[in-house]
Amino acid sequence: MYKASSNLAFVYLLELEQGCYYVGSTTDVTSRWVEHQSGKGAKFTKVYKPIRIELVEEVIKKVS
């Protein structure tokens, strides 16, 4: 699906059960989606199961 190059990442919005939403960031949206669906993602998505990926935006990683 979406995999970023070394200086890029993705911000994504998930629609969850019970009308909730979750915003996260990752360099590999597909792998992160699998983690969320399997209950290994964020604590919030363990309680409110993901329904779909609503939005994905590519962003430049902050250089420290």
N, C-alpha and C. Protein backbone atom coordinates (compact mmCIF):
# COMPACT_ATOMS: atom_id res chain seq x y z
N MET A 1 0.84 -1.18 0.00
CA MET A 1 0.00 0.00 0.00
C MET A 1 0.88 1.24 0.00
N TYR A 2 1.31 1.70 1.18
CA TYR A 2 2.16 2.89 1.29
C TYR A 2 3.40 2.55 2.10
N LYS A 3 4.58 2.75 1.50
CA LYS A 3 5.83 2.57 2.22
C LYS A 3 6.71 3.77 1.87
N ALA A 4 7.20 4.46 2.89
CA ALA A 4 7.93 5.71 2.69
C ALA A 4 9.41 5.48 2.44
N SER A 5 10.03 6.45 1.76
CA SER A 5 11.47 6.45 1.61
C SER A 5 12.09 6.95 2.91
N SER A 6 13.40 7.01 2.98
CA SER A 6 14.09 7.30 4.25
C SER A 6 13.77 8.66 4.87
N ASN A 7 13.44 9.66 4.09
CA ASN A 7 13.18 10.98 4.67
C ASN A 7 11.69 11.32 4.72
N LEU A 8 10.84 10.34 4.43
CA LEU A 8 9.40 10.57 4.43
C LEU A 8 8.69 9.64 5.40
N ALA A 9 7.51 10.03 5.81
CA ALA A 9 6.65 9.21 6.66
C ALA A 9 5.21 9.49 6.25
N PHE A 10 4.28 8.81 6.90
CA PHE A 10 2.87 9.01 6.63
C PHE A 10 2.12 9.32 7.92
N VAL A 11 1.18 10.23 7.83
CA VAL A 11 0.22 10.46 8.90
C VAL A 11 -1.08 9.86 8.38
N TYR A 12 -1.75 9.07 9.24
CA TYR A 12 -2.96 8.39 8.79
C TYR A 12 -4.09 8.57 9.79
N LEU A 13 -5.31 8.48 9.28
CA LEU A 13 -6.52 8.60 10.09
C LEU A 13 -7.32 7.32 9.93
N LEU A 14 -7.63 6.66 11.05
CA LEU A 14 -8.43 5.45 11.04
C LEU A 14 -9.83 5.74 11.56
N GLU A 15 -10.81 5.18 10.90
CA GLU A 15 -12.16 5.19 11.44
C GLU A 15 -12.28 3.94 12.31
N LEU A 16 -12.77 4.11 13.53
CA LEU A 16 -12.89 3.01 14.49
C LEU A 16 -14.35 2.73 14.82
N GLU A 17 -14.56 1.65 15.54
CA GLU A 17 -15.89 1.33 16.02
C GLU A 17 -16.41 2.45 16.91
N GLN A 18 -17.71 2.50 17.06
CA GLN A 18 -18.42 3.43 17.94
C GLN A 18 -18.19 4.89 17.59
N GLY A 19 -17.89 5.17 16.32
CA GLY A 19 -17.75 6.54 15.86
C GLY A 19 -16.47 7.24 16.27
N CYS A 20 -15.47 6.48 16.70
CA CYS A 20 -14.19 7.07 17.12
C CYS A 20 -13.22 7.14 15.94
N TYR A 21 -12.18 7.95 16.11
CA TYR A 21 -11.12 8.07 15.12
C TYR A 21 -9.77 8.00 15.82
N TYR A 22 -8.75 7.61 15.07
CA TYR A 22 -7.39 7.52 15.60
C TYR A 22 -6.45 8.11 14.56
N VAL A 23 -5.52 8.94 15.00
CA VAL A 23 -4.50 9.52 14.12
C VAL A 23 -3.15 8.96 14.54
N GLY A 24 -2.38 8.51 13.56
CA GLY A 24 -1.06 7.97 13.85
C GLY A 24 -0.07 8.31 12.76
N SER A 25 1.17 7.94 12.95
CA SER A 25 2.20 8.15 11.93
C SER A 25 3.07 6.91 11.84
N THR A 26 3.59 6.66 10.66
CA THR A 26 4.39 5.47 10.40
C THR A 26 5.17 5.64 9.10
N THR A 27 6.12 4.77 8.87
CA THR A 27 6.81 4.74 7.58
C THR A 27 6.27 3.62 6.70
N ASP A 28 5.41 2.77 7.26
CA ASP A 28 4.83 1.65 6.51
C ASP A 28 3.36 1.48 6.92
N VAL A 29 2.47 2.06 6.16
CA VAL A 29 1.05 2.07 6.50
C VAL A 29 0.47 0.65 6.51
N THR A 30 0.85 -0.17 5.55
CA THR A 30 0.31 -1.52 5.47
C THR A 30 0.64 -2.33 6.71
N SER A 31 1.90 -2.32 7.13
CA SER A 31 2.31 -3.07 8.32
C SER A 31 1.63 -2.53 9.58
N ARG A 32 1.50 -1.22 9.66
CA ARG A 32 0.86 -0.62 10.83
C ARG A 32 -0.63 -0.97 10.89
N TRP A 33 -1.29 -1.00 9.74
CA TRP A 33 -2.69 -1.39 9.67
C TRP A 33 -2.87 -2.82 10.19
N VAL A 34 -2.00 -3.72 9.78
CA VAL A 34 -2.05 -5.11 10.24
C VAL A 34 -1.87 -5.17 11.76
N GLU A 35 -0.95 -4.37 12.29
CA GLU A 35 -0.75 -4.32 13.75
C GLU A 35 -2.02 -3.85 14.46
N HIS A 36 -2.63 -2.80 13.95
CA HIS A 36 -3.86 -2.28 14.57
C HIS A 36 -4.96 -3.34 14.54
N GLN A 37 -5.13 -4.00 13.41
CA GLN A 37 -6.20 -4.99 13.27
C GLN A 37 -5.97 -6.23 14.14
N SER A 38 -4.72 -6.56 14.40
CA SER A 38 -4.41 -7.75 15.19
C SER A 38 -4.38 -7.47 16.69
N GLY A 39 -4.61 -6.21 17.09
CA GLY A 39 -4.59 -5.86 18.51
C GLY A 39 -3.21 -5.54 19.04
N LYS A 40 -2.22 -5.43 18.15
CA LYS A 40 -0.85 -5.14 18.57
C LYS A 40 -0.46 -3.69 18.30
N GLY A 41 -1.43 -2.89 17.90
CA GLY A 41 -1.17 -1.47 17.65
C GLY A 41 -1.30 -0.69 18.93
N ALA A 42 -1.88 0.47 18.84
CA ALA A 42 -2.06 1.36 20.00
C ALA A 42 -3.12 0.81 20.96
N LYS A 43 -3.02 1.21 22.22
CA LYS A 43 -4.01 0.78 23.23
C LYS A 43 -5.43 1.18 22.81
N PHE A 44 -5.56 2.37 22.24
CA PHE A 44 -6.88 2.87 21.85
C PHE A 44 -7.53 1.98 20.80
N THR A 45 -6.73 1.47 19.83
CA THR A 45 -7.30 0.63 18.78
C THR A 45 -7.50 -0.82 19.24
N LYS A 46 -7.04 -1.14 20.45
CA LYS A 46 -7.38 -2.43 21.05
C LYS A 46 -8.81 -2.38 21.59
N VAL A 47 -9.20 -1.22 22.10
CA VAL A 47 -10.54 -1.02 22.67
C VAL A 47 -11.55 -0.75 21.56
N TYR A 48 -11.21 0.15 20.65
CA TYR A 48 -12.08 0.53 19.54
C TYR A 48 -11.46 -0.02 18.26
N LYS A 49 -12.00 -1.10 17.76
CA LYS A 49 -11.41 -1.80 16.61
C LYS A 49 -11.47 -0.96 15.34
N PRO A 50 -10.40 -0.99 14.53
CA PRO A 50 -10.37 -0.24 13.28
C PRO A 50 -11.35 -0.81 12.24
N ILE A 51 -12.02 0.09 11.55
CA ILE A 51 -12.93 -0.28 10.47
C ILE A 51 -12.25 -0.08 9.13
N ARG A 52 -11.63 1.09 8.97
CA ARG A 52 -10.97 1.39 7.70
C ARG A 52 -9.98 2.53 7.86
N ILE A 53 -9.12 2.64 6.87
CA ILE A 53 -8.19 3.78 6.79
C ILE A 53 -8.94 4.89 6.06
N GLU A 54 -9.13 5.98 6.74
CA GLU A 54 -9.91 7.10 6.21
C GLU A 54 -9.05 8.01 5.33
N LEU A 55 -7.80 8.24 5.75
CA LEU A 55 -6.95 9.22 5.07
C LEU A 55 -5.48 8.88 5.30
N VAL A 56 -4.65 9.09 4.29
CA VAL A 56 -3.20 8.94 4.42
C VAL A 56 -2.56 10.14 3.75
N GLU A 57 -1.64 10.79 4.46
CA GLU A 57 -0.89 11.93 3.92
C GLU A 57 0.59 11.69 4.10
N GLU A 58 1.35 11.95 3.06
CA GLU A 58 2.81 11.80 3.13
C GLU A 58 3.41 13.08 3.71
N VAL A 59 4.35 12.94 4.62
CA VAL A 59 4.99 14.09 5.26
C VAL A 59 6.49 13.91 5.29
N ILE A 60 7.22 15.00 5.41
CA ILE A 60 8.68 14.94 5.54
C ILE A 60 9.02 14.76 7.01
N LYS A 61 9.89 13.81 7.30
CA LYS A 61 10.32 13.59 8.68
C LYS A 61 11.10 14.78 9.19
N LYS A 62 10.91 15.09 10.46
CA LYS A 62 11.66 16.17 11.08
C LYS A 62 13.12 15.74 11.24
N VAL A 63 14.03 16.59 10.84
CA VAL A 63 15.46 16.32 10.97
C VAL A 63 15.93 16.88 12.30
N SER A 64 16.59 16.04 13.11
CA SER A 64 17.04 16.53 14.42
C SER A 64 18.47 16.99 14.39
